[in-house]
Protein backbone atom coordinates (compact mmCIF):
# COMPACT_ATOMS: atom_id res chain seq x y z
CA MET A 1 8.15 -12.40 -20.36
CA ARG A 2 8.25 -9.45 -22.77
CA THR A 3 8.71 -6.46 -20.52
CA LYS A 4 9.32 -2.83 -21.38
CA THR A 5 10.23 -0.70 -18.40
CA LEU A 6 10.34 3.05 -17.90
CA ILE A 7 10.97 4.78 -14.59
CA ILE A 8 10.00 8.45 -14.41
CA VAL A 9 10.97 10.48 -11.35
CA ALA A 10 7.91 12.50 -10.43
CA ALA A 11 8.93 13.74 -7.00
CA ALA A 12 12.30 14.46 -5.43
CA LEU A 13 15.42 12.36 -5.18
CA ALA A 14 16.83 12.41 -1.69
CA ALA A 15 20.50 13.35 -1.35
CA GLY A 16 20.35 15.48 -4.43
CA ILE A 17 17.33 17.72 -5.00
CA LEU A 18 16.43 20.60 -2.71
CA ALA A 19 12.77 20.39 -1.77
CA SER A 20 12.28 23.71 0.00
CA SER A 21 14.03 26.74 1.41
CA ALA A 22 14.14 24.94 4.76
CA GLN A 23 16.47 22.40 3.13
CA THR A 24 14.25 19.38 3.65
CA TYR A 25 14.65 16.49 1.25
CA SER A 26 12.36 13.78 -0.07
CA GLN A 27 13.44 10.29 0.94
CA ASN A 28 11.73 8.36 -1.84
CA ILE A 29 11.21 8.25 -5.57
CA VAL A 30 7.72 8.51 -7.01
CA GLY A 31 7.01 7.56 -10.60
CA TYR A 32 5.72 4.81 -12.82
CA VAL A 33 6.76 1.61 -14.56
CA ASN A 34 5.37 0.38 -17.88
CA GLN A 35 5.16 -3.39 -18.37
CA THR A 36 3.76 -5.28 -21.34
CA ILE A 37 1.65 -8.17 -20.08
CA PRO A 38 1.05 -10.73 -22.86
CA GLY A 39 -2.01 -12.89 -23.25
CA GLY A 40 -1.85 -16.07 -21.19
CA PHE A 41 0.41 -16.74 -18.22
CA SER A 42 3.03 -14.37 -16.83
CA LEU A 43 4.94 -14.37 -13.56
CA ILE A 44 5.15 -10.76 -12.44
CA ALA A 45 5.89 -8.63 -9.40
CA ASN A 46 4.60 -5.24 -8.31
CA PRO A 47 7.55 -2.83 -8.67
CA LEU A 48 6.10 0.13 -6.72
CA ASN A 49 4.13 0.81 -3.56
CA ASN A 50 0.68 2.14 -4.43
CA ASP A 51 -1.74 2.90 -1.59
CA THR A 52 -2.94 -0.55 -0.44
CA ASN A 53 -1.20 -2.45 -3.29
CA GLY A 54 -4.54 -4.06 -4.09
CA ALA A 55 -4.82 -5.87 -7.42
CA SER A 56 -7.58 -3.54 -8.61
CA GLU A 57 -5.16 -0.61 -8.17
CA ILE A 58 -1.96 -2.02 -9.62
CA LEU A 59 -3.64 -4.06 -12.40
CA ALA A 60 -6.44 -1.66 -13.27
CA ALA A 61 -6.32 -2.56 -16.98
CA LEU A 62 -6.46 -6.33 -16.47
CA PRO A 63 -9.23 -7.72 -18.73
CA ASP A 64 -12.33 -9.26 -17.19
CA PHE A 65 -12.16 -12.99 -16.49
CA SER A 66 -8.39 -12.90 -16.12
CA LEU A 67 -6.94 -14.88 -13.22
CA ILE A 68 -4.39 -14.06 -10.55
CA TYR A 69 -2.71 -16.89 -8.64
CA VAL A 70 -0.96 -16.06 -5.39
CA TYR A 71 1.45 -18.67 -4.01
CA ASN A 72 1.87 -19.06 -0.26
CA ASN A 73 3.28 -21.95 1.75
CA GLY A 74 2.80 -24.56 -0.95
CA THR A 75 -0.70 -23.58 -2.07
CA TYR A 76 -2.22 -21.22 -4.63
CA SER A 77 -5.09 -18.83 -4.04
CA GLY A 78 -6.99 -18.00 -7.23
CA TYR A 79 -8.78 -14.73 -8.02
CA GLU A 80 -10.85 -14.00 -11.13
CA SER A 81 -11.22 -10.38 -12.22
CA TYR A 82 -14.52 -8.87 -13.23
CA GLN A 83 -15.29 -5.15 -13.43
CA GLY A 84 -12.68 -4.17 -10.88
CA ALA A 85 -13.58 -6.83 -8.30
CA TYR A 86 -12.24 -10.33 -7.67
CA TYR A 87 -14.14 -13.59 -7.34
CA ASP A 88 -13.45 -17.23 -6.52
CA PRO A 89 -12.92 -18.86 -9.94
CA ASN A 90 -14.63 -22.05 -8.73
CA THR A 91 -17.63 -20.74 -6.78
CA SER A 92 -17.95 -17.17 -8.15
CA ALA A 93 -18.07 -15.91 -4.55
CA LEU A 94 -16.85 -12.33 -4.09
CA LEU A 95 -13.39 -12.29 -2.54
CA THR A 96 -11.33 -9.67 -0.78
CA THR A 97 -9.10 -8.07 -3.38
CA PRO A 98 -5.62 -9.63 -3.13
CA VAL A 99 -2.78 -7.47 -1.86
CA LEU A 100 0.24 -7.67 -4.16
CA ALA A 101 3.04 -5.86 -2.36
CA PRO A 102 6.55 -5.31 -3.72
CA GLY A 103 8.90 -8.16 -2.88
CA THR A 104 6.46 -10.92 -3.80
CA SER A 105 5.42 -12.32 -7.16
CA PHE A 106 2.28 -13.88 -8.59
CA PHE A 107 0.97 -15.48 -11.76
CA VAL A 108 -1.40 -13.62 -14.06
CA ASN A 109 -3.40 -15.49 -16.69
CA ASN A 110 -4.42 -12.66 -18.99
CA ALA A 111 -7.76 -13.56 -20.63
CA GLY A 112 -7.35 -10.87 -23.27
CA SER A 113 -4.69 -9.68 -25.66
CA SER A 114 -1.36 -8.15 -24.74
CA PHE A 115 -1.60 -4.77 -22.99
CA VAL A 116 0.66 -2.26 -21.30
CA ASN A 117 0.13 -2.12 -17.56
CA ILE A 118 1.16 1.12 -15.85
CA TYR A 119 2.30 0.81 -12.24
CA THR A 120 2.34 4.07 -10.29
CA GLY A 121 3.57 4.78 -6.80
CA SER A 122 6.79 5.06 -4.84
CA VAL A 123 9.86 2.85 -4.76
CA ALA A 124 9.64 0.53 -1.75
CA VAL A 125 13.14 1.45 -0.58
CA ASN A 126 14.04 5.02 0.36
CA VAL A 127 17.04 6.69 -1.23
CA SER A 128 20.29 5.75 0.57
CA ALA A 129 18.37 3.14 2.58
CA THR A 130 18.41 -0.66 2.45
CA GLY A 131 15.35 -2.84 2.00
CA THR A 132 15.24 -6.42 3.22
CA ASN A 133 13.24 -9.35 1.84
CA ALA A 134 13.27 -12.37 4.16
CA LEU A 135 13.75 -15.59 2.19
CA THR A 136 12.37 -18.61 3.99
CA ALA A 137 13.54 -22.17 3.46
CA GLY A 138 11.67 -23.96 0.67
CA PHE A 139 9.72 -22.57 -2.27
CA GLN A 140 8.87 -18.88 -2.33
CA ALA A 141 7.47 -16.53 -4.99
CA VAL A 142 9.57 -13.38 -4.85
CA GLY A 143 10.28 -10.13 -6.67
CA SER A 144 12.76 -7.31 -6.41
CA LEU A 145 12.03 -4.46 -4.00
CA LEU A 146 13.67 -2.13 -6.53
CA PRO A 147 12.37 -1.61 -10.10
CA GLU A 148 15.67 -2.60 -11.68
CA THR A 149 16.62 -4.70 -14.69
CA GLY A 150 19.69 -6.92 -14.93
CA GLY A 151 21.53 -9.78 -13.33
CA VAL A 152 19.80 -11.18 -10.26
CA THR A 153 23.06 -11.22 -8.32
CA SER A 154 25.15 -8.44 -9.85
CA VAL A 155 22.31 -5.90 -10.10
CA LEU A 156 19.50 -7.10 -7.82
CA ASN A 157 21.90 -8.41 -5.14
CA LEU A 158 20.07 -11.72 -4.73
CA GLN A 159 22.46 -13.95 -2.78
CA PRO A 160 20.49 -16.89 -1.38
CA ALA A 161 21.92 -19.78 0.59
CA ASP A 162 24.22 -22.07 -1.38
CA PHE A 163 22.42 -24.78 -3.38
CA SER A 164 19.24 -22.71 -3.64
CA VAL A 165 17.51 -22.97 -7.03
CA LEU A 166 15.99 -20.06 -8.97
CA TYR A 167 13.16 -20.48 -11.50
CA VAL A 168 12.59 -17.69 -14.05
CA PHE A 169 9.46 -17.87 -16.24
CA ASN A 170 9.70 -16.35 -19.73
CA ASP A 171 7.34 -16.82 -22.67
CA GLY A 172 5.84 -20.01 -21.27
CA ALA A 173 9.14 -21.70 -20.37
CA TRP A 174 11.26 -21.98 -17.23
CA SER A 175 14.95 -21.14 -16.92
CA VAL A 176 16.55 -22.77 -13.89
CA GLY A 177 19.78 -21.96 -12.06
CA GLU A 178 21.41 -23.20 -8.87
CA TYR A 179 23.36 -20.77 -6.72
CA TYR A 180 26.72 -21.59 -5.16
CA GLU A 181 29.31 -19.18 -3.75
CA GLY A 182 28.26 -16.23 -5.87
CA ALA A 183 27.87 -18.08 -9.18
CA TRP A 184 25.10 -19.94 -11.02
CA TYR A 185 25.06 -23.52 -12.30
CA ASP A 186 22.82 -25.91 -14.17
CA PRO A 187 21.20 -27.98 -11.39
CA ASN A 188 21.18 -31.08 -13.60
CA THR A 189 24.74 -31.02 -14.96
CA SER A 190 26.46 -28.77 -12.38
CA LEU A 191 28.03 -26.83 -15.27
CA PRO A 192 28.36 -23.04 -14.95
CA ILE A 193 25.62 -20.99 -16.63
CA ALA A 194 25.14 -17.31 -17.35
CA GLU A 195 23.78 -15.28 -14.47
CA PRO A 196 19.95 -15.28 -14.57
CA GLN A 197 18.46 -11.99 -15.71
CA ALA A 198 15.31 -10.26 -14.51
CA ALA A 199 13.36 -7.33 -15.89
CA SER A 200 11.68 -4.74 -13.73
CA ALA A 201 8.29 -6.03 -12.53
CA GLN A 202 9.30 -9.62 -13.28
CA GLY A 203 8.71 -12.24 -10.63
CA PHE A 204 10.40 -15.57 -10.05
CA PHE A 205 10.37 -18.60 -7.80
CA ILE A 206 13.21 -19.65 -5.57
CA ASN A 207 13.65 -22.92 -3.72
CA ASN A 208 15.76 -21.80 -0.79
CA ASN A 209 18.14 -24.33 0.72
CA ALA A 210 17.99 -22.31 3.94
CA SER A 211 16.59 -19.01 5.12
CA ALA A 212 18.48 -15.89 4.04
CA LEU A 213 18.08 -12.14 3.78
CA TRP A 214 17.85 -10.46 0.38
CA THR A 215 19.02 -6.89 0.88
CA GLN A 216 18.86 -4.10 -1.70
CA THR A 217 20.15 -0.54 -1.32
CA LEU A 218 18.84 2.41 -3.31
CA THR A 219 21.80 4.65 -4.01
CA PRO A 220 21.28 8.28 -5.15
């Protein structure tokens, strides 16, 4: 996925910026993230909390007749966009707008040309706090709770159960890595591979060998 990310701090950073003469501090970061969404399929994740996290809010520029696919417990729910609302792509029935909260990922099939989507809102984890994403056994569509770019283990602190397999979707192709004792391997050859990388607002699939907790701390 071709992703360009920019985080702008629009409010206060806790543990650093004085908010008032009473010495109260903001505990979150408010800003925005820019992401280029190409035509066709992308696997993305909402990087910021925005009101209800409804698709019409976080993907306001998504072209009409584009599709969102939300994965849950082995099945996909499809939603077709049209003039800010979402419909069943098979029956055209009006659907409740899908909620796309940080920590999960979803497919977008962009019916138009590439465009820059602007996510606005607050980081899901407060400054100096730790956010937790519960990873269940089996397949799960996940995303980082923090809008960070880099190694999924070294930067995003993803440390699933040993023998879990991560699937990263980029430009129409999958990159696959198996986790074992802090390192990543080719699941077919068992040879070591480079640590998988993720951009901010990028989603991925993981086949968890067992349940685990993905914790991320936002340091000031």
